[in-house]
Amino acid sequence: MGIVSLCDAVGSAHRDGRAVPAFNVVDDVSMAAVLDIAEHVREPVIVQMSTRTAKFWRPEVVLATFRAMTAVRQVDATLHLDHCQDPGLITECLQLGWNSALYDASHLPYDQAIGSTRELVRTARRMGADIEGETQPIRSVADLECHSPIEHAADLSAAFIEATGVCCFSPDIGTAHGKYDEEPVLRTDILRTLAARTGVPLVLHGASGLSAEALREAITCGIRKINFSTALKSAYLWPMRKGAAQPVDAPLELLGSIKESVRDAVAECIGVVRGGVGA
């Protein structure tokens, strides 16, 4: 057990017909909570940070914290930079020793997205690291009502995967970042087409709030990495909101409550992912 690459993590899940949970953390407290539960339930896990969070703490500090925390736990874990549009920051993180990054090329014209991603995949491979790909944006919940995946999305995504050599790919199938008012209907037809044509592990963003039934179908269709962010943010903030009404006496008391709240959220998310396996 120990630190594993993204390709190893999703590749193992792909062979077993399951999905590995990935959690966006904001600091050492939330990182420890994720690793604690992953160790307790003996589940491999991907620890992710947003570009903004990684810059806030500095990539070298995040890496040192991750290495120290995994060294004292019996857990398979991957350190991953989430949704980054800056190849320079991705290269910096991978050079330091981060395992992987999602290069979000959705802001670029399609042909430029292919070229930029392909070059970054080559750079990552030279450093023993991996790239998750994205070419259509995963939107926020606020934009979900007026959005549907583009025509020929499966064909464009399959061509992108084949041209770039990404380790795994994040398709736009109707999910979004944020808290759902009602559960979205997933475009499993896109998943089935991509899985059949490429054989590449697929990634589901915006999983917070999806049912075990929805995840079960997504895993059946080829999803091998499932991202949770909003669930952890809500759990992190809850003790502080509660503490505003009932102030705590010491910082460690609040941090302990935050850690316990995030642990509960992580355990629940892993339970939902496990509930979607094997169906």
C-alpha atoms as a PDB file:
ATOM      1  CA  MET A   1       0.000   0.000   0.000  1.00  0.00           C
ATOM      2  CA  GLY A   2       1.062   3.574  -0.537  1.00  0.00           C
ATOM      3  CA  ILE A   3       1.034   6.268  -3.221  1.00  0.00           C
ATOM      4  CA  VAL A   4      -0.183   4.984  -6.597  1.00  0.00           C
ATOM      5  CA  SER A   5      -0.459   6.555 -10.038  1.00  0.00           C
ATOM      6  CA  LEU A   6      -3.760   7.661 -11.516  1.00  0.00           C
ATOM      7  CA  CYS A   7      -3.444   5.106 -14.326  1.00  0.00           C
ATOM      8  CA  ASP A   8      -2.890   2.328 -11.800  1.00  0.00           C
ATOM      9  CA  ALA A   9      -5.857   3.480  -9.694  1.00  0.00           C
ATOM     10  CA  VAL A  10      -8.376   3.766 -12.531  1.00  0.00           C
ATOM     11  CA  GLY A  11      -6.844   0.836 -14.412  1.00  0.00           C
ATOM     12  CA  SER A  12      -7.392  -1.479 -11.466  1.00  0.00           C
ATOM     13  CA  ALA A  13     -10.960  -0.207 -11.120  1.00  0.00           C
ATOM     14  CA  HIS A  14     -11.488  -0.732 -14.857  1.00  0.00           C
ATOM     15  CA  ARG A  15     -10.354  -4.355 -14.713  1.00  0.00           C
ATOM     16  CA  ASP A  16     -12.610  -5.032 -11.728  1.00  0.00           C
ATOM     17  CA  GLY A  17     -15.669  -3.239 -13.121  1.00  0.00           C
ATOM     18  CA  ARG A  18     -15.794  -0.764 -10.243  1.00  0.00           C
ATOM     19  CA  ALA A  19     -15.020   2.922  -9.649  1.00  0.00           C
ATOM     20  CA  VAL A  20     -12.511   4.652  -7.383  1.00  0.00           C
ATOM     21  CA  PRO A  21     -13.830   7.631  -5.337  1.00  0.00           C
ATOM     22  CA  ALA A  22     -12.036  10.961  -5.680  1.00  0.00           C
ATOM     23  CA  PHE A  23     -12.434  13.730  -3.100  1.00  0.00           C
ATOM     24  CA  ASN A  24     -11.643  17.426  -3.386  1.00  0.00           C
ATOM     25  CA  VAL A  25      -9.958  18.577  -0.169  1.00  0.00           C
ATOM     26  CA  VAL A  26      -9.244  22.118   0.969  1.00  0.00           C
ATOM     27  CA  ASP A  27      -6.586  21.652   3.661  1.00  0.00           C
ATOM     28  CA  ASP A  28      -4.765  19.156   5.882  1.00  0.00           C
ATOM     29  CA  VAL A  29      -7.853  18.579   8.050  1.00  0.00           C
ATOM     30  CA  SER A  30     -10.038  17.484   5.122  1.00  0.00           C
ATOM     31  CA  MET A  31      -7.148  15.512   3.601  1.00  0.00           C
ATOM     32  CA  ALA A  32      -6.668  13.615   6.868  1.00  0.00           C
ATOM     33  CA  ALA A  33     -10.401  12.899   7.047  1.00  0.00           C
ATOM     34  CA  VAL A  34     -10.414  11.394   3.547  1.00  0.00           C
ATOM     35  CA  LEU A  35      -7.359   9.226   4.217  1.00  0.00           C
ATOM     36  CA  ASP A  36      -8.674   8.127   7.622  1.00  0.00           C
ATOM     37  CA  ILE A  37     -11.905   6.757   6.161  1.00  0.00           C
ATOM     38  CA  ALA A  38     -10.173   5.247   3.122  1.00  0.00           C
ATOM     39  CA  GLU A  39      -7.850   3.368   5.463  1.00  0.00           C
ATOM     40  CA  HIS A  40     -10.700   2.309   7.742  1.00  0.00           C
ATOM     41  CA  VAL A  41     -12.828   0.848   4.944  1.00  0.00           C
ATOM     42  CA  ARG A  42      -9.804  -0.402   2.963  1.00  0.00           C
ATOM     43  CA  GLU A  43     -10.760   1.590  -0.118  1.00  0.00           C
ATOM     44  CA  PRO A  44      -8.260   3.119  -2.584  1.00  0.00           C
ATOM     45  CA  VAL A  45      -8.842   6.831  -2.926  1.00  0.00           C
ATOM     46  CA  ILE A  46      -7.870   9.818  -5.054  1.00  0.00           C
ATOM     47  CA  VAL A  47      -7.126  13.013  -3.121  1.00  0.00           C
ATOM     48  CA  GLN A  48      -7.787  16.057  -5.302  1.00  0.00           C
ATOM     49  CA  MET A  49      -7.271  19.796  -5.024  1.00  0.00           C
ATOM     50  CA  SER A  50      -8.640  22.568  -7.169  1.00  0.00           C
ATOM     51  CA  THR A  51      -6.245  24.911  -8.921  1.00  0.00           C
ATOM     52  CA  ARG A  52      -7.215  27.727  -6.576  1.00  0.00           C
ATOM     53  CA  THR A  53      -6.639  25.622  -3.457  1.00  0.00           C
ATOM     54  CA  ALA A  54      -3.296  24.274  -4.691  1.00  0.00           C
ATOM     55  CA  LYS A  55      -2.082  27.816  -5.361  1.00  0.00           C
ATOM     56  CA  PHE A  56      -3.310  28.965  -1.940  1.00  0.00           C
ATOM     57  CA  TRP A  57      -1.304  26.343  -0.027  1.00  0.00           C
ATOM     58  CA  ARG A  58       1.492  26.015  -2.650  1.00  0.00           C
ATOM     59  CA  PRO A  59       1.944  22.743  -4.527  1.00  0.00           C
ATOM     60  CA  GLU A  60       5.112  21.728  -2.668  1.00  0.00           C
ATOM     61  CA  VAL A  61       3.386  22.092   0.717  1.00  0.00           C
ATOM     62  CA  VAL A  62       0.399  20.048  -0.442  1.00  0.00           C
ATOM     63  CA  LEU A  63       2.689  17.298  -1.718  1.00  0.00           C
ATOM     64  CA  ALA A  64       4.727  17.193   1.506  1.00  0.00           C
ATOM     65  CA  THR A  65       1.519  16.980   3.555  1.00  0.00           C
ATOM     66  CA  PHE A  66       0.123  14.203   1.355  1.00  0.00           C
ATOM     67  CA  ARG A  67       3.322  12.174   1.554  1.00  0.00           C
ATOM     68  CA  ALA A  68       3.522  12.544   5.318  1.00  0.00           C
ATOM     69  CA  MET A  69      -0.110  11.519   5.801  1.00  0.00           C
ATOM     70  CA  THR A  70       0.044   8.494   3.499  1.00  0.00           C
ATOM     71  CA  ALA A  71       3.301   7.323   5.120  1.00  0.00           C
ATOM     72  CA  VAL A  72       1.543   6.691   8.442  1.00  0.00           C
ATOM     73  CA  ARG A  73      -1.584   5.030   7.012  1.00  0.00           C
ATOM     74  CA  GLN A  74      -2.264   1.705   5.314  1.00  0.00           C
ATOM     75  CA  VAL A  75      -3.979   3.108   2.242  1.00  0.00           C
ATOM     76  CA  ASP A  76      -3.569   3.319  -1.536  1.00  0.00           C
ATOM     77  CA  ALA A  77      -3.871   6.977  -2.501  1.00  0.00           C
ATOM     78  CA  THR A  78      -3.244   9.275  -5.467  1.00  0.00           C
ATOM     79  CA  LEU A  79      -2.593  13.041  -5.408  1.00  0.00           C
ATOM     80  CA  HIS A  80      -4.396  14.757  -8.283  1.00  0.00           C
ATOM     81  CA  LEU A  81      -4.775  18.372  -9.460  1.00  0.00           C
ATOM     82  CA  ASP A  82      -8.386  18.946 -10.478  1.00  0.00           C
ATOM     83  CA  HIS A  83      -9.741  21.140 -13.311  1.00  0.00           C
ATOM     84  CA  CYS A  84      -6.634  23.060 -14.294  1.00  0.00           C
ATOM     85  CA  GLN A  85      -6.462  25.071 -17.520  1.00  0.00           C
ATOM     86  CA  ASP A  86      -2.845  26.144 -16.977  1.00  0.00           C
ATOM     87  CA  PRO A  87      -0.267  23.725 -18.454  1.00  0.00           C
ATOM     88  CA  GLY A  88       2.446  25.588 -16.555  1.00  0.00           C
ATOM     89  CA  LEU A  89       0.905  24.878 -13.154  1.00  0.00           C
ATOM     90  CA  ILE A  90       0.259  21.256 -14.107  1.00  0.00           C
ATOM     91  CA  THR A  91       3.884  20.831 -15.160  1.00  0.00           C
ATOM     92  CA  GLU A  92       5.070  22.437 -11.922  1.00  0.00           C
ATOM     93  CA  CYS A  93       2.958  20.064  -9.814  1.00  0.00           C
ATOM     94  CA  LEU A  94       4.036  16.976 -11.756  1.00  0.00           C
ATOM     95  CA  GLN A  95       7.704  17.960 -11.589  1.00  0.00           C
ATOM     96  CA  LEU A  96       7.388  18.218  -7.807  1.00  0.00           C
ATOM     97  CA  GLY A  97       5.917  14.722  -7.621  1.00  0.00           C
ATOM     98  CA  TRP A  98       2.126  15.040  -7.845  1.00  0.00           C
ATOM     99  CA  ASN A  99       0.728  11.932  -9.493  1.00  0.00           C
ATOM    100  CA  SER A 100      -1.619  13.469 -12.031  1.00  0.00           C
ATOM    101  CA  ALA A 101      -3.820  16.329 -13.169  1.00  0.00           C
ATOM    102  CA  LEU A 102      -7.030  16.991 -15.044  1.00  0.00           C
ATOM    103  CA  TYR A 103      -6.098  19.268 -17.920  1.00  0.00           C
ATOM    104  CA  ASP A 104      -9.333  21.097 -18.692  1.00  0.00           C
ATOM    105  CA  ALA A 105      -8.963  22.141 -22.332  1.00  0.00           C
ATOM    106  CA  SER A 106     -12.638  23.066 -22.730  1.00  0.00           C
ATOM    107  CA  HIS A 107     -11.738  26.755 -23.120  1.00  0.00           C
ATOM    108  CA  LEU A 108      -9.810  26.031 -26.326  1.00  0.00           C
ATOM    109  CA  PRO A 109     -11.046  25.373 -29.867  1.00  0.00           C
ATOM    110  CA  TYR A 110     -11.302  21.621 -30.436  1.00  0.00           C
ATOM    111  CA  ASP A 111      -8.182  21.222 -32.601  1.00  0.00           C
ATOM    112  CA  GLN A 112      -6.114  23.349 -30.200  1.00  0.00           C
ATOM    113  CA  ALA A 113      -7.444  21.334 -27.271  1.00  0.00           C
ATOM    114  CA  ILE A 114      -6.196  18.139 -28.907  1.00  0.00           C
ATOM    115  CA  GLY A 115      -2.735  19.558 -29.615  1.00  0.00           C
ATOM    116  CA  SER A 116      -2.289  21.123 -26.194  1.00  0.00           C
ATOM    117  CA  THR A 117      -3.494  18.021 -24.358  1.00  0.00           C
ATOM    118  CA  ARG A 118      -1.365  15.682 -26.452  1.00  0.00           C
ATOM    119  CA  GLU A 119       1.768  17.692 -25.660  1.00  0.00           C
ATOM    120  CA  LEU A 120       0.958  17.748 -21.953  1.00  0.00           C
ATOM    121  CA  VAL A 121       0.391  13.966 -21.958  1.00  0.00           C
ATOM    122  CA  ARG A 122       3.872  13.522 -23.441  1.00  0.00           C
ATOM    123  CA  THR A 123       5.367  15.843 -20.836  1.00  0.00           C
ATOM    124  CA  ALA A 124       3.607  14.004 -18.006  1.00  0.00           C
ATOM    125  CA  ARG A 125       4.764  10.607 -19.240  1.00  0.00           C
ATOM    126  CA  ARG A 126       8.390  11.752 -19.166  1.00  0.00           C
ATOM    127  CA  MET A 127       7.880  12.477 -15.462  1.00  0.00           C
ATOM    128  CA  GLY A 128       6.032   9.239 -14.720  1.00  0.00           C
ATOM    129  CA  ALA A 129       2.737  11.082 -14.268  1.00  0.00           C
ATOM    130  CA  ASP A 130      -0.721  10.948 -15.866  1.00  0.00           C
ATOM    131  CA  ILE A 131      -3.242  13.313 -17.447  1.00  0.00           C
ATOM    132  CA  GLU A 132      -7.031  13.159 -17.229  1.00  0.00           C
ATOM    133  CA  GLY A 133      -8.636  14.830 -20.247  1.00  0.00           C
ATOM    134  CA  GLU A 134     -11.617  17.105 -20.760  1.00  0.00           C
ATOM    135  CA  THR A 135     -12.741  18.927 -23.877  1.00  0.00           C
ATOM    136  CA  GLN A 136     -16.374  19.863 -23.131  1.00  0.00           C
ATOM    137  CA  PRO A 137     -16.929  21.906 -19.960  1.00  0.00           C
ATOM    138  CA  ILE A 138     -18.507  20.375 -16.854  1.00  0.00           C
ATOM    139  CA  ARG A 139     -20.803  23.237 -15.903  1.00  0.00           C
ATOM    140  CA  SER A 140     -22.182  24.540 -12.624  1.00  0.00           C
ATOM    141  CA  VAL A 141     -25.640  23.656 -11.366  1.00  0.00           C
ATOM    142  CA  ALA A 142     -26.754  27.227 -12.113  1.00  0.00           C
ATOM    143  CA  ASP A 143     -26.098  26.613 -15.827  1.00  0.00           C
ATOM    144  CA  LEU A 144     -27.561  23.117 -15.973  1.00  0.00           C
ATOM    145  CA  GLU A 145     -31.154  23.975 -16.900  1.00  0.00           C
ATOM    146  CA  CYS A 146     -30.152  25.709 -20.134  1.00  0.00           C
ATOM    147  CA  HIS A 147     -27.546  23.157 -21.150  1.00  0.00           C
ATOM    148  CA  SER A 148     -27.454  19.754 -22.782  1.00  0.00           C
ATOM    149  CA  PRO A 149     -24.437  17.866 -24.138  1.00  0.00           C
ATOM    150  CA  ILE A 150     -23.515  19.004 -27.639  1.00  0.00           C
ATOM    151  CA  GLU A 151     -24.521  17.095 -30.762  1.00  0.00           C
ATOM    152  CA  HIS A 152     -22.010  14.421 -31.745  1.00  0.00           C
ATOM    153  CA  ALA A 153     -20.390  14.697 -28.275  1.00  0.00           C
ATOM    154  CA  ALA A 154     -19.541  10.996 -28.217  1.00  0.00           C
ATOM    155  CA  ASP A 155     -17.830  11.121 -31.628  1.00  0.00           C
ATOM    156  CA  LEU A 156     -15.803  14.225 -30.732  1.00  0.00           C
ATOM    157  CA  SER A 157     -14.825  12.819 -27.332  1.00  0.00           C
ATOM    158  CA  ALA A 158     -13.748   9.470 -28.794  1.00  0.00           C
ATOM    159  CA  ALA A 159     -11.596  11.217 -31.383  1.00  0.00           C
ATOM    160  CA  PHE A 160     -10.091  13.415 -28.647  1.00  0.00           C
ATOM    161  CA  ILE A 161      -9.222  10.405 -26.468  1.00  0.00           C
ATOM    162  CA  GLU A 162      -7.619   8.546 -29.354  1.00  0.00           C
ATOM    163  CA  ALA A 163      -5.616  11.581 -30.528  1.00  0.00           C
ATOM    164  CA  THR A 164      -4.273  12.636 -27.128  1.00  0.00           C
ATOM    165  CA  GLY A 165      -3.541   9.414 -25.239  1.00  0.00           C
ATOM    166  CA  VAL A 166      -5.073  10.625 -21.972  1.00  0.00           C
ATOM    167  CA  CYS A 167      -5.137   8.180 -19.052  1.00  0.00           C
ATOM    168  CA  CYS A 168      -8.856   8.750 -18.432  1.00  0.00           C
ATOM    169  CA  PHE A 169     -11.488  11.151 -19.734  1.00  0.00           C
ATOM    170  CA  SER A 170     -14.256  13.352 -18.307  1.00  0.00           C
ATOM    171  CA  PRO A 171     -17.248  13.472 -20.658  1.00  0.00           C
ATOM    172  CA  ASP A 172     -20.115  15.906 -20.393  1.00  0.00           C
ATOM    173  CA  ILE A 173     -23.090  13.651 -19.635  1.00  0.00           C
ATOM    174  CA  GLY A 174     -25.397  16.107 -17.874  1.00  0.00           C
ATOM    175  CA  THR A 175     -23.885  16.369 -14.393  1.00  0.00           C
ATOM    176  CA  ALA A 176     -22.701  19.648 -12.895  1.00  0.00           C
ATOM    177  CA  HIS A 177     -20.655  21.126 -10.087  1.00  0.00           C
ATOM    178  CA  GLY A 178     -22.683  22.258  -7.091  1.00  0.00           C
ATOM    179  CA  LYS A 179     -25.783  21.249  -5.142  1.00  0.00           C
ATOM    180  CA  TYR A 180     -28.593  19.786  -7.261  1.00  0.00           C
ATOM    181  CA  ASP A 181     -32.182  20.912  -6.799  1.00  0.00           C
ATOM    182  CA  GLU A 182     -33.165  17.631  -8.423  1.00  0.00           C
ATOM    183  CA  GLU A 183     -31.066  14.738  -9.645  1.00  0.00           C
ATOM    184  CA  PRO A 184     -30.049  15.084 -13.313  1.00  0.00           C
ATOM    185  CA  VAL A 185     -30.701  12.418 -15.920  1.00  0.00           C
ATOM    186  CA  LEU A 186     -27.341  11.042 -17.057  1.00  0.00           C
ATOM    187  CA  ARG A 187     -26.504  10.608 -20.744  1.00  0.00           C
ATOM    188  CA  THR A 188     -25.477   6.982 -20.427  1.00  0.00           C
ATOM    189  CA  ASP A 189     -25.622   6.625 -24.224  1.00  0.00           C
ATOM    190  CA  ILE A 190     -22.508   8.799 -24.429  1.00  0.00           C
ATOM    191  CA  LEU A 191     -20.781   6.687 -21.794  1.00  0.00           C
ATOM    192  CA  ARG A 192     -21.602   3.433 -23.559  1.00  0.00           C
ATOM    193  CA  THR A 193     -20.317   4.740 -26.886  1.00  0.00           C
ATOM    194  CA  LEU A 194     -17.051   6.014 -25.416  1.00  0.00           C
ATOM    195  CA  ALA A 195     -16.444   2.851 -23.412  1.00  0.00           C
ATOM    196  CA  ALA A 196     -17.053   0.656 -26.451  1.00  0.00           C
ATOM    197  CA  ARG A 197     -14.973   2.726 -28.877  1.00  0.00           C
ATOM    198  CA  THR A 198     -11.998   3.648 -26.701  1.00  0.00           C
ATOM    199  CA  GLY A 199     -11.738   1.288 -23.727  1.00  0.00           C
ATOM    200  CA  VAL A 200     -10.461   4.255 -21.698  1.00  0.00           C
ATOM    201  CA  PRO A 201     -11.657   4.672 -18.073  1.00  0.00           C
ATOM    202  CA  LEU A 202     -14.251   7.449 -17.795  1.00  0.00           C
ATOM    203  CA  VAL A 203     -14.679  10.025 -15.035  1.00  0.00           C
ATOM    204  CA  LEU A 204     -17.892  11.327 -13.467  1.00  0.00           C
ATOM    205  CA  HIS A 205     -17.799  14.881 -12.133  1.00  0.00           C
ATOM    206  CA  GLY A 206     -20.536  16.375  -9.975  1.00  0.00           C
ATOM    207  CA  ALA A 207     -21.349  13.158  -8.105  1.00  0.00           C
ATOM    208  CA  SER A 208     -22.440  14.828  -4.852  1.00  0.00           C
ATOM    209  CA  GLY A 209     -26.174  14.236  -4.575  1.00  0.00           C
ATOM    210  CA  LEU A 210     -26.430  11.423  -7.128  1.00  0.00           C
ATOM    211  CA  SER A 211     -28.199   8.264  -6.005  1.00  0.00           C
ATOM    212  CA  ALA A 212     -26.620   4.826  -5.754  1.00  0.00           C
ATOM    213  CA  GLU A 213     -28.909   3.784  -8.614  1.00  0.00           C
ATOM    214  CA  ALA A 214     -27.534   6.518 -10.894  1.00  0.00           C
ATOM    215  CA  LEU A 215     -23.969   5.610  -9.970  1.00  0.00           C
ATOM    216  CA  ARG A 216     -24.709   1.923 -10.516  1.00  0.00           C
ATOM    217  CA  GLU A 217     -25.772   2.615 -14.088  1.00  0.00           C
ATOM    218  CA  ALA A 218     -22.819   4.961 -14.674  1.00  0.00           C
ATOM    219  CA  ILE A 219     -20.330   2.341 -13.447  1.00  0.00           C
ATOM    220  CA  THR A 220     -21.977  -0.278 -15.636  1.00  0.00           C
ATOM    221  CA  CYS A 221     -21.459   2.072 -18.592  1.00  0.00           C
ATOM    222  CA  GLY A 222     -17.733   2.628 -17.953  1.00  0.00           C
ATOM    223  CA  ILE A 223     -17.309   5.221 -15.184  1.00  0.00           C
ATOM    224  CA  ARG A 224     -14.156   4.354 -13.213  1.00  0.00           C
ATOM    225  CA  LYS A 225     -13.457   7.548 -11.245  1.00  0.00           C
ATOM    226  CA  ILE A 226     -16.190   9.387  -9.338  1.00  0.00           C
ATOM    227  CA  ASN A 227     -15.576  12.919  -8.070  1.00  0.00           C
ATOM    228  CA  PHE A 228     -17.045  14.394  -4.885  1.00  0.00           C
ATOM    229  CA  SER A 229     -16.541  18.034  -3.914  1.00  0.00           C
ATOM    230  CA  THR A 230     -19.772  19.734  -2.836  1.00  0.00           C
ATOM    231  CA  ALA A 231     -20.544  17.031  -0.257  1.00  0.00           C
ATOM    232  CA  LEU A 232     -17.199  17.647   1.453  1.00  0.00           C
ATOM    233  CA  LYS A 233     -17.505  21.436   1.325  1.00  0.00           C
ATOM    234  CA  SER A 234     -20.919  21.291   2.972  1.00  0.00           C
ATOM    235  CA  ALA A 235     -19.623  18.926   5.655  1.00  0.00           C
ATOM    236  CA  TYR A 236     -16.596  21.138   6.267  1.00  0.00           C
ATOM    237  CA  LEU A 237     -18.668  24.293   6.726  1.00  0.00           C
ATOM    238  CA  TRP A 238     -21.443  22.763   8.834  1.00  0.00           C
ATOM    239  CA  PRO A 239     -19.574  22.787  12.190  1.00  0.00           C
ATOM    240  CA  MET A 240     -18.600  26.429  11.678  1.00  0.00           C
ATOM    241  CA  ARG A 241     -22.168  27.431  10.944  1.00  0.00           C
ATOM    242  CA  LYS A 242     -23.344  25.465  13.941  1.00  0.00           C
ATOM    243  CA  GLY A 243     -20.564  26.992  16.044  1.00  0.00           C
ATOM    244  CA  ALA A 244     -21.714  30.504  15.166  1.00  0.00           C
ATOM    245  CA  ALA A 245     -24.859  29.822  17.168  1.00  0.00           C
ATOM    246  CA  GLN A 246     -23.040  27.828  19.851  1.00  0.00           C
ATOM    247  CA  PRO A 247     -19.452  29.147  19.968  1.00  0.00           C
ATOM    248  CA  VAL A 248     -16.725  26.610  20.768  1.00  0.00           C
ATOM    249  CA  ASP A 249     -14.107  27.360  23.405  1.00  0.00           C
ATOM    250  CA  ALA A 250     -10.959  26.282  21.544  1.00  0.00           C
ATOM    251  CA  PRO A 251      -9.739  26.087  17.914  1.00  0.00           C
ATOM    252  CA  LEU A 252      -8.898  22.393  18.214  1.00  0.00           C
ATOM    253  CA  GLU A 253     -12.460  21.651  19.268  1.00  0.00           C
ATOM    254  CA  LEU A 254     -13.721  23.246  16.063  1.00  0.00           C
ATOM    255  CA  LEU A 255     -11.102  21.505  13.908  1.00  0.00           C
ATOM    256  CA  GLY A 256     -12.020  18.185  15.507  1.00  0.00           C
ATOM    257  CA  SER A 257     -15.679  18.765  14.675  1.00  0.00           C
ATOM    258  CA  ILE A 258     -14.806  19.681  11.089  1.00  0.00           C
ATOM    259  CA  LYS A 259     -12.694  16.565  10.677  1.00  0.00           C
ATOM    260  CA  GLU A 260     -15.423  14.338  12.063  1.00  0.00           C
ATOM    261  CA  SER A 261     -18.054  15.952   9.845  1.00  0.00           C
ATOM    262  CA  VAL A 262     -15.906  15.458   6.718  1.00  0.00           C
ATOM    263  CA  ARG A 263     -15.177  11.866   7.739  1.00  0.00           C
ATOM    264  CA  ASP A 264     -18.910  11.184   7.899  1.00  0.00           C
ATOM    265  CA  ALA A 265     -19.414  12.699   4.437  1.00  0.00           C
ATOM    266  CA  VAL A 266     -16.547  10.678   2.955  1.00  0.00           C
ATOM    267  CA  ALA A 267     -17.881   7.458   4.483  1.00  0.00           C
ATOM    268  CA  GLU A 268     -21.333   8.172   3.055  1.00  0.00           C
ATOM    269  CA  CYS A 269     -19.927   8.909  -0.430  1.00  0.00           C
ATOM    270  CA  ILE A 270     -17.828   5.731  -0.415  1.00  0.00           C
ATOM    271  CA  GLY A 271     -20.891   3.797   0.659  1.00  0.00           C
ATOM    272  CA  VAL A 272     -22.849   5.190  -2.288  1.00  0.00           C
ATOM    273  CA  VAL A 273     -20.016   4.286  -4.683  1.00  0.00           C
ATOM    274  CA  ARG A 274     -19.843   0.779  -3.255  1.00  0.00           C
ATOM    275  CA  GLY A 275     -23.590   0.528  -3.634  1.00  0.00           C
ATOM    276  CA  GLY A 276     -23.143   1.211  -7.331  1.00  0.00           C
ATOM    277  CA  VAL A 277     -20.586  -1.571  -7.814  1.00  0.00           C
ATOM    278  CA  GLY A 278     -21.376  -4.977  -9.191  1.00  0.00           C
ATOM    279  CA  ALA A 279     -24.778  -4.185 -10.619  1.00  0.00           C
END
